[in-house]
Amino acid sequence: MSDTEKVIFKAKLELETITPEEIQKWAIEALEKDSSNELALDICFLPTSEQVQTYFKQISNKITHTNLARNEIYQLLKKHMIKNTEGTISEEKIYSSFQKILGLAKYIEDEELYDITNSYVDEFYFSNEGYSELNPNEVLLKFINELTRLSLKSYRT
């Protein structure tokens, strides 16, 4: 589970849904429950937020090739997009989210996720410019549904 936790923390840091300080807090709490938790031990020996960031940036993408890790990432991406599309949608925020997802797709070497996200970036742009039959909310909903499909596909394989 430690490798999957690493990947999830890395993805959360990339999506800015967690801070290095929150990860350090998690590590302390995890060690209180299980003093042999290797990931928590590694993190506890990192004294600064920058070192925590660097630790997760250097994680090999090999560990993301497990179905559990991919499924977790898809679920995280889906939650991230849902959160960013609630209420008033900022075009800048949506494009930023798409860029973060593209970066994660490259990291985990998931061409399908990358291609799908890239196509929805274009579709979102066309929708915002009035060149699409869909409105931006409909495009985002379709993208979230694609993330759900990828998650289910990953879970089955």
N, C-alpha and C. Protein backbone atom coordinates (compact mmCIF):
# COMPACT_ATOMS: atom_id res chain seq x y z
N MET A 1 0.83 -1.20 0.00
CA MET A 1 0.00 0.00 0.00
C MET A 1 0.86 1.25 0.00
N SER A 2 2.07 1.16 0.50
CA SER A 2 2.94 2.32 0.60
C SER A 2 3.20 2.97 -0.77
N ASP A 3 3.44 2.14 -1.80
CA ASP A 3 3.67 2.70 -3.13
C ASP A 3 2.43 3.43 -3.65
N THR A 4 1.27 2.85 -3.43
CA THR A 4 0.05 3.51 -3.86
C THR A 4 -0.15 4.83 -3.12
N GLU A 5 0.16 4.82 -1.82
CA GLU A 5 0.06 6.07 -1.04
C GLU A 5 1.01 7.13 -1.59
N LYS A 6 2.20 6.73 -1.98
CA LYS A 6 3.16 7.67 -2.56
C LYS A 6 2.58 8.33 -3.81
N VAL A 7 2.02 7.49 -4.68
CA VAL A 7 1.46 8.00 -5.93
C VAL A 7 0.31 8.95 -5.65
N ILE A 8 -0.53 8.60 -4.71
CA ILE A 8 -1.69 9.44 -4.37
C ILE A 8 -1.22 10.77 -3.78
N PHE A 9 -0.26 10.72 -2.89
CA PHE A 9 0.26 11.98 -2.34
C PHE A 9 0.89 12.83 -3.44
N LYS A 10 1.62 12.21 -4.35
CA LYS A 10 2.23 12.96 -5.45
C LYS A 10 1.15 13.62 -6.29
N ALA A 11 0.11 12.87 -6.63
CA ALA A 11 -0.98 13.42 -7.43
C ALA A 11 -1.68 14.55 -6.68
N LYS A 12 -1.91 14.37 -5.40
CA LYS A 12 -2.57 15.42 -4.61
C LYS A 12 -1.72 16.68 -4.54
N LEU A 13 -0.41 16.51 -4.42
CA LEU A 13 0.47 17.67 -4.42
C LEU A 13 0.42 18.39 -5.77
N GLU A 14 0.43 17.61 -6.85
CA GLU A 14 0.36 18.20 -8.19
C GLU A 14 -0.94 18.97 -8.40
N LEU A 15 -2.03 18.41 -7.88
CA LEU A 15 -3.35 19.03 -8.04
C LEU A 15 -3.61 20.11 -6.98
N GLU A 16 -2.66 20.23 -6.06
CA GLU A 16 -2.74 21.21 -4.98
C GLU A 16 -3.97 21.00 -4.09
N THR A 17 -4.27 19.72 -3.82
CA THR A 17 -5.37 19.40 -2.91
C THR A 17 -4.85 19.03 -1.53
N ILE A 18 -3.53 19.01 -1.40
CA ILE A 18 -2.90 18.74 -0.12
C ILE A 18 -1.58 19.53 -0.08
N THR A 19 -1.16 19.88 1.11
CA THR A 19 0.10 20.61 1.26
C THR A 19 1.17 19.68 1.84
N PRO A 20 2.42 20.03 1.66
CA PRO A 20 3.48 19.23 2.28
C PRO A 20 3.32 19.16 3.80
N GLU A 21 2.86 20.25 4.40
CA GLU A 21 2.65 20.25 5.85
C GLU A 21 1.57 19.25 6.26
N GLU A 22 0.54 19.11 5.44
CA GLU A 22 -0.51 18.13 5.75
C GLU A 22 0.03 16.71 5.61
N ILE A 23 0.92 16.50 4.67
CA ILE A 23 1.54 15.18 4.52
C ILE A 23 2.42 14.88 5.72
N GLN A 24 3.16 15.88 6.18
CA GLN A 24 3.99 15.68 7.37
C GLN A 24 3.12 15.36 8.59
N LYS A 25 1.99 16.02 8.69
CA LYS A 25 1.06 15.74 9.80
C LYS A 25 0.53 14.31 9.68
N TRP A 26 0.19 13.91 8.45
CA TRP A 26 -0.27 12.54 8.23
C TRP A 26 0.80 11.55 8.69
N ALA A 27 2.07 11.84 8.34
CA ALA A 27 3.16 10.93 8.68
C ALA A 27 3.28 10.74 10.19
N ILE A 28 3.16 11.83 10.92
CA ILE A 28 3.24 11.74 12.39
C ILE A 28 2.10 10.89 12.93
N GLU A 29 0.90 11.14 12.44
CA GLU A 29 -0.27 10.37 12.89
C GLU A 29 -0.15 8.90 12.49
N ALA A 30 0.38 8.65 11.28
CA ALA A 30 0.54 7.27 10.82
C ALA A 30 1.55 6.52 11.69
N LEU A 31 2.61 7.20 12.10
CA LEU A 31 3.61 6.55 12.95
C LEU A 31 3.07 6.26 14.35
N GLU A 32 2.16 7.09 14.82
CA GLU A 32 1.54 6.82 16.11
C GLU A 32 0.71 5.54 16.07
N LYS A 33 0.14 5.24 14.90
CA LYS A 33 -0.66 4.02 14.74
C LYS A 33 0.20 2.80 14.41
N ASP A 34 1.25 3.04 13.60
CA ASP A 34 2.11 1.94 13.15
C ASP A 34 3.53 2.47 13.00
N SER A 35 4.36 2.18 13.97
CA SER A 35 5.73 2.73 13.98
C SER A 35 6.62 2.14 12.89
N SER A 36 6.13 1.15 12.15
CA SER A 36 6.93 0.56 11.08
C SER A 36 6.49 1.03 9.69
N ASN A 37 5.62 2.02 9.62
CA ASN A 37 5.16 2.55 8.33
C ASN A 37 6.34 3.23 7.63
N GLU A 38 6.85 2.59 6.58
CA GLU A 38 8.05 3.07 5.90
C GLU A 38 7.87 4.45 5.27
N LEU A 39 6.74 4.68 4.63
CA LEU A 39 6.51 5.98 4.01
C LEU A 39 6.47 7.08 5.06
N ALA A 40 5.77 6.83 6.14
CA ALA A 40 5.69 7.82 7.22
C ALA A 40 7.07 8.08 7.81
N LEU A 41 7.87 7.03 7.97
CA LEU A 41 9.24 7.21 8.48
C LEU A 41 10.06 8.08 7.53
N ASP A 42 9.97 7.79 6.22
CA ASP A 42 10.70 8.59 5.24
C ASP A 42 10.32 10.07 5.35
N ILE A 43 9.04 10.33 5.44
CA ILE A 43 8.55 11.71 5.47
C ILE A 43 8.96 12.41 6.77
N CYS A 44 8.93 11.70 7.87
CA CYS A 44 9.29 12.31 9.16
C CYS A 44 10.74 12.78 9.19
N PHE A 45 11.57 12.20 8.37
CA PHE A 45 12.97 12.61 8.34
C PHE A 45 13.22 13.77 7.37
N LEU A 46 12.15 14.28 6.78
CA LEU A 46 12.26 15.43 5.88
C LEU A 46 11.82 16.67 6.65
N PRO A 47 12.76 17.54 7.03
CA PRO A 47 12.42 18.65 7.93
C PRO A 47 11.69 19.83 7.29
N THR A 48 11.76 19.97 5.97
CA THR A 48 11.13 21.15 5.37
C THR A 48 10.07 20.76 4.33
N SER A 49 9.18 21.69 4.06
CA SER A 49 8.15 21.48 3.04
C SER A 49 8.77 21.25 1.67
N GLU A 50 9.85 21.97 1.39
CA GLU A 50 10.52 21.83 0.10
C GLU A 50 11.08 20.42 -0.08
N GLN A 51 11.61 19.86 0.99
CA GLN A 51 12.14 18.50 0.91
C GLN A 51 11.02 17.48 0.71
N VAL A 52 9.87 17.74 1.30
CA VAL A 52 8.72 16.85 1.08
C VAL A 52 8.30 16.93 -0.38
N GLN A 53 8.22 18.14 -0.93
CA GLN A 53 7.87 18.32 -2.35
C GLN A 53 8.86 17.56 -3.24
N THR A 54 10.15 17.74 -2.97
CA THR A 54 11.19 17.09 -3.76
C THR A 54 11.09 15.57 -3.67
N TYR A 55 10.83 15.07 -2.48
CA TYR A 55 10.68 13.62 -2.27
C TYR A 55 9.62 13.05 -3.21
N PHE A 56 8.48 13.71 -3.28
CA PHE A 56 7.40 13.19 -4.12
C PHE A 56 7.62 13.46 -5.60
N LYS A 57 8.32 14.51 -5.94
CA LYS A 57 8.62 14.76 -7.36
C LYS A 57 9.55 13.71 -7.92
N GLN A 58 10.37 13.11 -7.06
CA GLN A 58 11.37 12.15 -7.51
C GLN A 58 10.86 10.71 -7.54
N ILE A 59 9.61 10.52 -7.22
CA ILE A 59 9.06 9.16 -7.20
C ILE A 59 9.02 8.61 -8.62
N SER A 60 9.48 7.40 -8.76
CA SER A 60 9.49 6.72 -10.06
C SER A 60 8.07 6.49 -10.55
N ASN A 61 7.90 6.61 -11.85
CA ASN A 61 6.57 6.36 -12.40
C ASN A 61 6.27 4.87 -12.52
N LYS A 62 7.23 4.01 -12.24
CA LYS A 62 7.01 2.56 -12.33
C LYS A 62 5.90 2.11 -11.39
N ILE A 63 5.79 2.75 -10.25
CA ILE A 63 4.80 2.29 -9.28
C ILE A 63 3.38 2.69 -9.65
N THR A 64 3.23 3.53 -10.66
CA THR A 64 1.88 3.94 -11.07
C THR A 64 1.25 2.95 -12.02
N HIS A 65 1.97 1.94 -12.40
CA HIS A 65 1.45 0.99 -13.37
C HIS A 65 0.56 -0.09 -12.74
N THR A 66 0.34 -0.01 -11.46
CA THR A 66 -0.59 -0.95 -10.84
C THR A 66 -2.01 -0.43 -11.06
N ASN A 67 -2.93 -1.34 -11.20
CA ASN A 67 -4.32 -0.94 -11.42
C ASN A 67 -4.88 -0.15 -10.25
N LEU A 68 -4.48 -0.53 -9.04
CA LEU A 68 -4.96 0.17 -7.86
C LEU A 68 -4.51 1.63 -7.89
N ALA A 69 -3.25 1.86 -8.22
CA ALA A 69 -2.73 3.24 -8.28
C ALA A 69 -3.45 4.04 -9.36
N ARG A 70 -3.62 3.47 -10.53
CA ARG A 70 -4.30 4.17 -11.62
C ARG A 70 -5.75 4.48 -11.24
N ASN A 71 -6.43 3.51 -10.69
CA ASN A 71 -7.82 3.72 -10.29
C ASN A 71 -7.91 4.85 -9.28
N GLU A 72 -7.01 4.86 -8.31
CA GLU A 72 -6.99 5.92 -7.30
C GLU A 72 -6.75 7.28 -7.95
N ILE A 73 -5.84 7.33 -8.91
CA ILE A 73 -5.54 8.59 -9.59
C ILE A 73 -6.76 9.07 -10.36
N TYR A 74 -7.42 8.17 -11.08
CA TYR A 74 -8.62 8.58 -11.84
C TYR A 74 -9.69 9.11 -10.90
N GLN A 75 -9.87 8.44 -9.77
CA GLN A 75 -10.86 8.90 -8.80
C GLN A 75 -10.49 10.29 -8.27
N LEU A 76 -9.22 10.48 -7.99
CA LEU A 76 -8.74 11.77 -7.50
C LEU A 76 -8.96 12.86 -8.56
N LEU A 77 -8.65 12.56 -9.80
CA LEU A 77 -8.84 13.53 -10.88
C LEU A 77 -10.32 13.89 -11.04
N LYS A 78 -11.15 12.88 -10.94
CA LYS A 78 -12.60 13.11 -11.05
C LYS A 78 -13.07 14.05 -9.93
N LYS A 79 -12.66 13.77 -8.70
CA LYS A 79 -13.04 14.63 -7.57
C LYS A 79 -12.51 16.04 -7.77
N HIS A 80 -11.29 16.14 -8.26
CA HIS A 80 -10.67 17.44 -8.51
C HIS A 80 -11.48 18.24 -9.53
N MET A 81 -11.87 17.60 -10.62
CA MET A 81 -12.64 18.31 -11.66
C MET A 81 -14.03 18.69 -11.14
N ILE A 82 -14.66 17.81 -10.39
CA ILE A 82 -15.97 18.13 -9.84
C ILE A 82 -15.87 19.33 -8.90
N LYS A 83 -14.85 19.33 -8.05
CA LYS A 83 -14.66 20.44 -7.12
C LYS A 83 -14.42 21.74 -7.88
N ASN A 84 -13.63 21.69 -8.94
CA ASN A 84 -13.29 22.90 -9.69
C ASN A 84 -14.40 23.37 -10.62
N THR A 85 -15.44 22.58 -10.77
CA THR A 85 -16.53 23.00 -11.64
C THR A 85 -17.79 23.35 -10.86
N GLU A 86 -17.70 23.33 -9.55
CA GLU A 86 -18.85 23.72 -8.73
C GLU A 86 -18.94 25.24 -8.69
N GLY A 87 -20.15 25.75 -8.70
CA GLY A 87 -20.34 27.20 -8.61
C GLY A 87 -19.90 27.89 -9.87
N THR A 88 -19.32 29.05 -9.71
CA THR A 88 -18.86 29.84 -10.84
C THR A 88 -17.58 29.23 -11.41
N ILE A 89 -17.60 28.97 -12.70
CA ILE A 89 -16.45 28.35 -13.34
C ILE A 89 -15.51 29.43 -13.85
N SER A 90 -14.29 29.37 -13.39
CA SER A 90 -13.24 30.26 -13.87
C SER A 90 -12.53 29.55 -15.02
N GLU A 91 -12.51 30.19 -16.17
CA GLU A 91 -11.86 29.60 -17.33
C GLU A 91 -10.38 29.31 -17.02
N GLU A 92 -9.74 30.22 -16.33
CA GLU A 92 -8.34 30.05 -15.96
C GLU A 92 -8.15 28.83 -15.06
N LYS A 93 -9.06 28.65 -14.11
CA LYS A 93 -8.98 27.52 -13.18
C LYS A 93 -9.16 26.19 -13.92
N ILE A 94 -10.08 26.17 -14.85
CA ILE A 94 -10.33 24.95 -15.62
C ILE A 94 -9.11 24.60 -16.47
N TYR A 95 -8.57 25.58 -17.18
CA TYR A 95 -7.37 25.31 -17.99
C TYR A 95 -6.20 24.86 -17.12
N SER A 96 -6.08 25.46 -15.95
CA SER A 96 -5.02 25.05 -15.01
C SER A 96 -5.23 23.58 -14.60
N SER A 97 -6.46 23.21 -14.33
CA SER A 97 -6.76 21.82 -13.96
C SER A 97 -6.42 20.87 -15.10
N PHE A 98 -6.80 21.25 -16.32
CA PHE A 98 -6.48 20.42 -17.48
C PHE A 98 -4.96 20.25 -17.61
N GLN A 99 -4.20 21.32 -17.43
CA GLN A 99 -2.74 21.25 -17.55
C GLN A 99 -2.15 20.33 -16.49
N LYS A 100 -2.68 20.39 -15.29
CA LYS A 100 -2.20 19.51 -14.22
C LYS A 100 -2.49 18.05 -14.55
N ILE A 101 -3.67 17.81 -15.10
CA ILE A 101 -4.03 16.43 -15.47
C ILE A 101 -3.14 15.94 -16.61
N LEU A 102 -2.87 16.81 -17.59
CA LEU A 102 -1.96 16.43 -18.67
C LEU A 102 -0.58 16.07 -18.12
N GLY A 103 -0.10 16.84 -17.15
CA GLY A 103 1.19 16.56 -16.53
C GLY A 103 1.19 15.21 -15.81
N LEU A 104 0.12 14.94 -15.09
CA LEU A 104 0.02 13.64 -14.40
C LEU A 104 -0.09 12.50 -15.40
N ALA A 105 -0.82 12.71 -16.49
CA ALA A 105 -0.95 11.67 -17.51
C ALA A 105 0.41 11.33 -18.11
N LYS A 106 1.22 12.35 -18.34
CA LYS A 106 2.58 12.10 -18.84
C LYS A 106 3.39 11.33 -17.80
N TYR A 107 3.29 11.75 -16.55
CA TYR A 107 4.05 11.12 -15.48
C TYR A 107 3.72 9.63 -15.36
N ILE A 108 2.44 9.31 -15.40
CA ILE A 108 2.05 7.90 -15.23
C ILE A 108 2.06 7.15 -16.57
N GLU A 109 2.49 7.85 -17.61
CA GLU A 109 2.59 7.26 -18.95
C GLU A 109 1.26 6.66 -19.39
N ASP A 110 0.21 7.43 -19.26
CA ASP A 110 -1.12 6.99 -19.64
C ASP A 110 -1.54 7.78 -20.88
N GLU A 111 -1.25 7.20 -22.04
CA GLU A 111 -1.54 7.88 -23.30
C GLU A 111 -3.04 8.13 -23.49
N GLU A 112 -3.84 7.18 -23.05
CA GLU A 112 -5.29 7.34 -23.22
C GLU A 112 -5.79 8.53 -22.42
N LEU A 113 -5.38 8.63 -21.16
CA LEU A 113 -5.77 9.77 -20.33
C LEU A 113 -5.26 11.07 -20.94
N TYR A 114 -4.03 11.07 -21.42
CA TYR A 114 -3.45 12.27 -22.03
C TYR A 114 -4.26 12.69 -23.25
N ASP A 115 -4.53 11.73 -24.14
CA ASP A 115 -5.26 12.04 -25.38
C ASP A 115 -6.68 12.53 -25.09
N ILE A 116 -7.35 11.86 -24.16
CA ILE A 116 -8.72 12.26 -23.82
C ILE A 116 -8.72 13.67 -23.22
N THR A 117 -7.81 13.91 -22.31
CA THR A 117 -7.74 15.24 -21.68
C THR A 117 -7.43 16.30 -22.71
N ASN A 118 -6.48 16.03 -23.57
CA ASN A 118 -6.11 16.98 -24.60
C ASN A 118 -7.29 17.31 -25.52
N SER A 119 -8.08 16.30 -25.86
CA SER A 119 -9.23 16.55 -26.72
C SER A 119 -10.29 17.39 -26.00
N TYR A 120 -10.42 17.18 -24.70
CA TYR A 120 -11.39 17.98 -23.94
C TYR A 120 -10.90 19.41 -23.71
N VAL A 121 -9.60 19.61 -23.69
CA VAL A 121 -9.07 20.97 -23.63
C VAL A 121 -9.53 21.72 -24.87
N ASP A 122 -9.39 21.07 -26.03
CA ASP A 122 -9.83 21.70 -27.28
C ASP A 122 -11.33 21.93 -27.27
N GLU A 123 -12.07 20.91 -26.85
CA GLU A 123 -13.53 21.04 -26.84
C GLU A 123 -13.98 22.15 -25.89
N PHE A 124 -13.32 22.26 -24.74
CA PHE A 124 -13.65 23.32 -23.79
C PHE A 124 -13.38 24.69 -24.42
N TYR A 125 -12.25 24.80 -25.11
CA TYR A 125 -11.91 26.06 -25.78
C TYR A 125 -12.99 26.42 -26.81
N PHE A 126 -13.35 25.45 -27.67
CA PHE A 126 -14.36 25.71 -28.69
C PHE A 126 -15.70 26.08 -28.07
N SER A 127 -16.02 25.44 -26.98
CA SER A 127 -17.27 25.73 -26.28
C SER A 127 -17.26 27.16 -25.73
N ASN A 128 -16.16 27.55 -25.12
CA ASN A 128 -16.04 28.91 -24.57
C ASN A 128 -16.10 29.97 -25.66
N GLU A 129 -15.61 29.64 -26.85
CA GLU A 129 -15.60 30.59 -27.96
C GLU A 129 -16.88 30.56 -28.77
N GLY A 130 -17.80 29.65 -28.42
CA GLY A 130 -19.08 29.57 -29.12
C GLY A 130 -19.05 28.75 -30.40
N TYR A 131 -18.01 27.96 -30.60
CA TYR A 131 -17.89 27.14 -31.80
C TYR A 131 -18.39 25.71 -31.60
N SER A 132 -18.95 25.44 -30.46
CA SER A 132 -19.42 24.09 -30.15
C SER A 132 -20.90 24.15 -29.79
N GLU A 133 -21.57 23.05 -30.06
CA GLU A 133 -22.97 22.95 -29.67
C GLU A 133 -23.13 22.80 -28.16
N LEU A 134 -22.06 22.36 -27.50
CA LEU A 134 -22.10 22.15 -26.06
C LEU A 134 -21.66 23.42 -25.33
N ASN A 135 -22.24 23.62 -24.15
CA ASN A 135 -21.75 24.73 -23.32
C ASN A 135 -20.60 24.20 -22.47
N PRO A 136 -19.80 25.07 -21.86
CA PRO A 136 -18.64 24.62 -21.08
C PRO A 136 -18.99 23.62 -19.98
N ASN A 137 -20.13 23.81 -19.32
CA ASN A 137 -20.53 22.86 -18.27
C ASN A 137 -20.76 21.47 -18.83
N GLU A 138 -21.37 21.40 -20.01
CA GLU A 138 -21.61 20.10 -20.63
C GLU A 138 -20.30 19.42 -21.01
N VAL A 139 -19.34 20.20 -21.49
CA VAL A 139 -18.04 19.65 -21.85
C VAL A 139 -17.36 19.08 -20.60
N LEU A 140 -17.40 19.83 -19.52
CA LEU A 140 -16.77 19.36 -18.28
C LEU A 140 -17.47 18.11 -17.74
N LEU A 141 -18.79 18.07 -17.84
CA LEU A 141 -19.52 16.88 -17.40
C LEU A 141 -19.13 15.66 -18.23
N LYS A 142 -18.99 15.85 -19.54
CA LYS A 142 -18.55 14.75 -20.40
C LYS A 142 -17.14 14.28 -20.00
N PHE A 143 -16.27 15.23 -19.69
CA PHE A 143 -14.91 14.87 -19.29
C PHE A 143 -14.92 14.08 -17.97
N ILE A 144 -15.72 14.53 -17.03
CA ILE A 144 -15.83 13.81 -15.75
C ILE A 144 -16.35 12.39 -16.00
N ASN A 145 -17.29 12.24 -16.91
CA ASN A 145 -17.79 10.91 -17.25
C ASN A 145 -16.68 10.05 -17.87
N GLU A 146 -15.81 10.67 -18.66
CA GLU A 146 -14.67 9.94 -19.23
C GLU A 146 -13.72 9.46 -18.13
N LEU A 147 -13.50 10.32 -17.14
CA LEU A 147 -12.65 9.91 -16.01
C LEU A 147 -13.28 8.74 -15.27
N THR A 148 -14.59 8.75 -15.13
CA THR A 148 -15.30 7.64 -14.49
C THR A 148 -15.11 6.37 -15.32
N ARG A 149 -15.24 6.49 -16.63
CA ARG A 149 -15.07 5.33 -17.52
C ARG A 149 -13.66 4.77 -17.39
N LEU A 150 -12.66 5.65 -17.37
CA LEU A 150 -11.28 5.19 -17.23
C LEU A 150 -11.07 4.49 -15.89
N SER A 151 -11.68 5.03 -14.86
CA SER A 151 -11.56 4.44 -13.53
C SER A 151 -12.16 3.04 -13.53
N LEU A 152 -13.33 2.89 -14.10
CA LEU A 152 -13.97 1.58 -14.15
C LEU A 152 -13.17 0.60 -14.99
N LYS A 153 -12.63 1.09 -16.10
CA LYS A 153 -11.81 0.26 -16.98
C LYS A 153 -10.56 -0.21 -16.23
N SER A 154 -9.93 0.70 -15.51
CA SER A 154 -8.73 0.37 -14.75
C SER A 154 -9.04 -0.64 -13.63
N TYR A 155 -10.18 -0.46 -13.03
CA TYR A 155 -10.59 -1.33 -11.93
C TYR A 155 -10.80 -2.77 -12.41
N ARG A 156 -11.34 -2.91 -13.63
CA ARG A 156 -11.65 -4.25 -14.16
C ARG A 156 -10.43 -4.99 -14.65
N THR A 157 -9.40 -4.26 -15.11
CA THR A 157 -8.25 -4.94 -15.70
C THR A 157 -7.20 -5.29 -14.69
